[in-house]
Protein backbone atom coordinates (compact mmCIF):
# COMPACT_ATOMS: atom_id res chain seq x y z
CA MET A 1 0.00 0.00 0.00
CA SER A 2 1.28 3.48 -0.80
CA ILE A 3 2.63 5.88 1.76
CA GLY A 4 -0.19 8.32 1.11
CA LEU A 5 -2.73 5.74 2.25
CA GLU A 6 -0.67 4.32 5.07
CA LEU A 7 0.42 7.49 6.84
CA ASN A 8 -1.65 8.38 9.83
CA VAL A 9 0.97 10.48 11.50
CA ARG A 10 0.65 9.38 15.11
CA SER A 11 -1.68 6.40 15.40
CA GLU A 12 -0.08 4.37 12.61
CA ASN A 13 3.38 4.83 14.10
CA ARG A 14 2.21 3.64 17.50
CA VAL A 15 0.71 0.50 15.95
CA ASN A 16 3.83 -0.10 13.88
CA GLU A 17 6.09 0.20 16.94
CA LYS A 18 4.11 -2.57 18.64
CA ASN A 19 4.32 -4.84 15.61
CA THR A 20 7.93 -4.31 14.53
CA ASP A 21 8.71 -8.00 14.70
CA LEU A 22 5.80 -8.81 12.37
CA ILE A 23 6.84 -6.44 9.56
CA ARG A 24 8.95 -7.93 6.82
CA PRO A 25 11.96 -5.78 5.90
CA GLU A 26 11.82 -3.96 2.58
CA ARG A 27 13.63 -5.77 -0.20
CA ARG A 28 17.06 -4.32 -0.86
CA ASP A 29 16.38 -3.49 -4.49
CA ALA A 30 13.06 -1.87 -3.61
CA ALA A 31 14.73 0.21 -0.89
CA GLU A 32 17.46 1.28 -3.31
CA ASN A 33 14.88 2.27 -5.93
CA ARG A 34 12.95 4.26 -3.35
CA GLN A 35 16.05 6.19 -2.32
CA ARG A 36 17.00 6.86 -5.95
CA ILE A 37 13.51 8.18 -6.61
CA LEU A 38 13.53 10.45 -3.57
CA ASP A 39 17.03 11.76 -4.33
CA ALA A 40 16.10 12.42 -7.96
CA ALA A 41 12.88 14.17 -6.97
CA LEU A 42 14.69 16.43 -4.52
CA ARG A 43 17.27 17.40 -7.15
CA LEU A 44 14.56 18.29 -9.65
CA PHE A 45 12.45 20.12 -7.07
CA GLU A 46 15.47 22.24 -6.14
CA GLN A 47 15.99 23.19 -9.79
CA ASN A 48 12.31 23.76 -10.57
CA SER A 49 9.11 24.14 -8.63
CA VAL A 50 7.35 20.94 -7.60
CA GLU A 51 4.45 21.85 -9.88
CA GLN A 52 6.70 21.97 -12.97
CA VAL A 53 8.30 18.55 -12.45
CA SER A 54 6.53 15.55 -13.98
CA MET A 55 6.61 11.94 -12.83
CA ASN A 56 8.29 10.97 -16.12
CA GLN A 57 11.07 13.48 -15.45
CA ILE A 58 11.60 11.96 -12.02
CA ALA A 59 11.79 8.46 -13.49
CA THR A 60 14.35 9.61 -16.07
CA GLU A 61 16.44 11.41 -13.44
CA ALA A 62 16.34 8.33 -11.18
CA GLN A 63 17.28 6.09 -14.15
CA ILE A 64 14.34 3.77 -13.63
CA GLY A 65 11.35 2.90 -15.77
CA PRO A 66 8.06 4.80 -15.33
CA GLY A 67 6.40 1.51 -14.32
CA THR A 68 8.81 1.11 -11.40
CA LEU A 69 8.07 4.65 -10.27
CA TYR A 70 4.29 4.25 -10.49
CA ARG A 71 4.38 0.94 -8.64
CA ARG A 72 5.98 2.81 -5.76
CA TYR A 73 4.02 6.08 -5.99
CA ARG A 74 0.68 6.43 -7.75
CA ASN A 75 1.18 10.16 -8.18
CA LYS A 76 3.43 13.07 -7.23
CA SER A 77 1.37 13.75 -4.13
CA GLU A 78 2.35 10.40 -2.62
CA LEU A 79 5.99 10.98 -3.52
CA CYS A 80 6.00 14.41 -1.86
CA LEU A 81 4.31 12.90 1.19
CA ASP A 82 7.11 10.34 1.48
CA LEU A 83 9.69 13.13 1.23
CA ILE A 84 8.04 15.16 3.95
CA LYS A 85 6.67 12.44 6.25
CA ASP A 86 9.42 12.72 8.89
CA ASN A 87 8.82 16.47 9.12
CA ILE A 88 5.07 15.86 9.43
CA GLU A 89 5.64 13.48 12.31
CA LEU A 90 7.79 16.11 14.03
CA LEU A 91 5.06 18.71 13.47
CA PHE A 92 2.43 16.59 15.19
CA ASP A 93 4.86 15.71 17.96
CA ASP A 94 5.32 19.46 18.49
CA ILE A 95 1.54 19.92 18.54
CA ASP A 96 1.17 17.11 21.10
CA GLU A 97 3.81 18.70 23.30
CA TYR A 98 2.18 22.12 22.95
CA LEU A 99 -1.26 20.79 23.90
CA GLU A 100 0.14 18.93 26.89
CA ALA A 101 2.03 22.01 28.11
CA ASN A 102 -1.01 24.25 27.60
CA ARG A 103 -3.83 21.89 28.58
CA LYS A 104 -5.14 24.39 31.15
CA ASN A 105 -5.54 27.13 28.55
CA THR A 106 -8.91 27.86 26.98
CA PRO A 107 -9.78 25.89 23.80
CA ASP A 108 -9.54 29.00 21.62
CA GLN A 109 -6.01 29.65 22.89
CA ARG A 110 -5.00 26.04 22.24
CA LEU A 111 -6.44 26.14 18.74
CA ARG A 112 -4.61 29.36 18.00
CA GLY A 113 -1.38 27.66 19.08
CA ILE A 114 -2.00 24.72 16.74
CA LEU A 115 -2.64 27.11 13.85
CA HIS A 116 0.56 28.99 14.62
CA LEU A 117 2.58 25.76 14.48
CA PHE A 118 0.96 24.64 11.23
CA ILE A 119 1.40 28.00 9.49
CA ARG A 120 5.06 28.04 10.52
CA PHE A 121 5.39 24.51 9.11
CA ARG A 122 3.68 25.52 5.85
CA GLU A 123 6.10 28.42 5.43
CA LYS A 124 9.11 26.13 5.89
CA LYS A 125 7.84 23.28 3.68
CA GLU A 126 5.82 25.26 1.17
CA GLN A 127 6.79 23.41 -2.03
CA LEU A 128 6.46 19.87 -0.71
CA LEU A 129 3.13 20.60 0.97
CA ALA A 130 1.92 22.10 -2.29
CA GLY A 131 3.04 18.90 -4.01
CA VAL A 132 1.14 16.77 -1.51
CA GLU A 133 -2.03 18.74 -2.23
CA GLU A 134 -1.56 19.09 -5.99
CA SER A 135 -2.73 15.64 -7.13
CA MET A 136 -5.36 15.44 -4.43
CA SER A 137 -6.99 18.73 -5.42
CA ALA A 138 -6.84 17.71 -9.07
CA ASN A 139 -8.73 14.49 -8.33
CA SER A 140 -11.51 15.71 -6.05
CA ILE A 141 -12.29 17.90 -3.07
CA LYS A 142 -13.05 14.71 -1.11
CA SER A 143 -9.53 13.34 -1.60
CA ARG A 144 -8.01 16.61 -0.39
CA MET A 145 -10.14 16.68 2.73
CA ARG A 146 -9.27 13.06 3.48
CA SER A 147 -5.52 13.47 3.06
CA PRO A 148 -3.58 12.17 6.09
CA ILE A 149 -2.36 15.64 7.11
CA TYR A 150 -5.80 17.23 6.96
CA ASP A 151 -7.48 14.22 8.55
CA GLU A 152 -5.11 14.49 11.49
CA LEU A 153 -5.71 18.24 11.82
CA HIS A 154 -9.46 17.69 11.62
CA GLN A 155 -9.26 15.29 14.55
CA LEU A 156 -7.41 17.95 16.54
CA PHE A 157 -9.83 20.75 15.66
CA LEU A 158 -13.09 18.93 16.39
CA PRO A 159 -12.79 18.47 20.18
CA LEU A 160 -11.57 22.05 20.56
CA PHE A 161 -14.56 23.40 18.64
CA ASP A 162 -16.87 21.12 20.66
CA GLU A 163 -15.34 22.50 23.84
CA MET A 164 -15.87 26.07 22.63
CA ASN A 165 -19.47 25.29 21.68
CA THR A 166 -20.43 24.35 25.23
CA ALA A 167 -20.26 28.03 26.15
CA ASP A 168 -22.15 29.24 23.06
CA GLN A 169 -25.82 28.43 22.51
CA ASN A 170 -25.89 29.62 18.88
CA HIS A 171 -22.74 27.92 17.68
CA PRO A 172 -21.98 26.54 14.20
CA ASP A 173 -21.60 22.80 13.73
CA SER A 174 -18.12 21.68 14.79
CA VAL A 175 -17.55 19.42 11.77
CA PHE A 176 -18.54 22.18 9.35
CA ARG A 177 -16.37 24.66 11.21
CA ALA A 178 -13.36 22.34 11.09
CA ASP A 179 -13.93 21.64 7.38
CA MET A 180 -14.03 25.35 6.55
CA LEU A 181 -10.92 26.06 8.61
CA LEU A 182 -9.05 23.33 6.74
CA MET A 183 -10.10 24.86 3.42
CA ALA A 184 -8.66 28.17 4.60
CA LEU A 185 -5.38 26.37 5.38
CA SER A 186 -5.13 24.83 1.91
CA ASN A 187 -2.18 25.79 -0.25
CA ASP A 188 -4.22 27.60 -2.92
CA PHE A 189 -6.03 29.77 -0.39
CA TYR A 190 -2.93 30.41 1.69
CA GLN A 191 -0.81 31.43 -1.29
CA PHE A 192 -3.57 33.73 -2.56
CA GLN A 193 -3.71 35.51 0.79
CA ARG A 194 0.08 35.73 1.01
CA ASN A 195 0.89 36.74 -2.57
CA VAL A 196 -2.23 38.59 -3.75
CA ARG A 197 -3.72 40.04 -0.58
CA GLY A 198 -0.32 40.67 0.94
CA TYR A 199 -0.92 39.09 4.35
CA THR A 200 2.06 38.08 6.42
CA PRO A 201 1.86 34.73 8.28
CA GLU A 202 1.11 36.68 11.47
CA MET A 203 -1.67 38.65 9.78
CA PHE A 204 -3.09 35.47 8.26
CA LEU A 205 -3.18 33.81 11.69
CA GLU A 206 -4.96 36.82 13.19
CA GLU A 207 -7.61 36.77 10.43
CA LEU A 208 -8.16 33.05 10.96
CA TYR A 209 -8.60 33.64 14.68
CA LEU A 210 -11.11 36.44 14.14
CA THR A 211 -13.06 34.43 11.55
CA PHE A 212 -13.16 30.96 13.07
CA ILE A 213 -12.40 31.30 16.77
CA ASP A 214 -13.06 34.71 18.33
């Protein structure tokens, strides 16, 4: 199964750690091909934007056949996800640590902290995150909303919105609220606000807070 379908940033890792002895090691040739693909993709992404690099170019650069590449990654989104997965795990570890350290804060303050961490992460990993979203958004809105990154964020947002709603009689539905917030965090929307509207990351965070939380 591809990395894009397997990655559930925290829960999957915890299951895998318990079942290490049951997992067969990756074949040597498959592992070598994977590393060649990732190295080739990084070289091309450094020379061009992720959007401009095709899967066929990556296969050529890695000196493998297109069939070998597509057996490993169904699309560029899955490849980018494999490149960035360790950073994603660190992001959610940081979020876990933040929530634990600030568990006595109000839910709106905790949600603001999560958004700050994610926006900082998006700024640092802009191209690869855009690559993760590119194929998903091209396929359907459903696939984007069910991506492992957004699914994990959705699970973090929901209980915080539910907690906020207990103090507000006329509150919006928590699932709808979380869905809309995730749309606002998408690459297309974020880049439009940054490059067209001229918002800094700090200004963008403040607008999100005023729109979805305050």
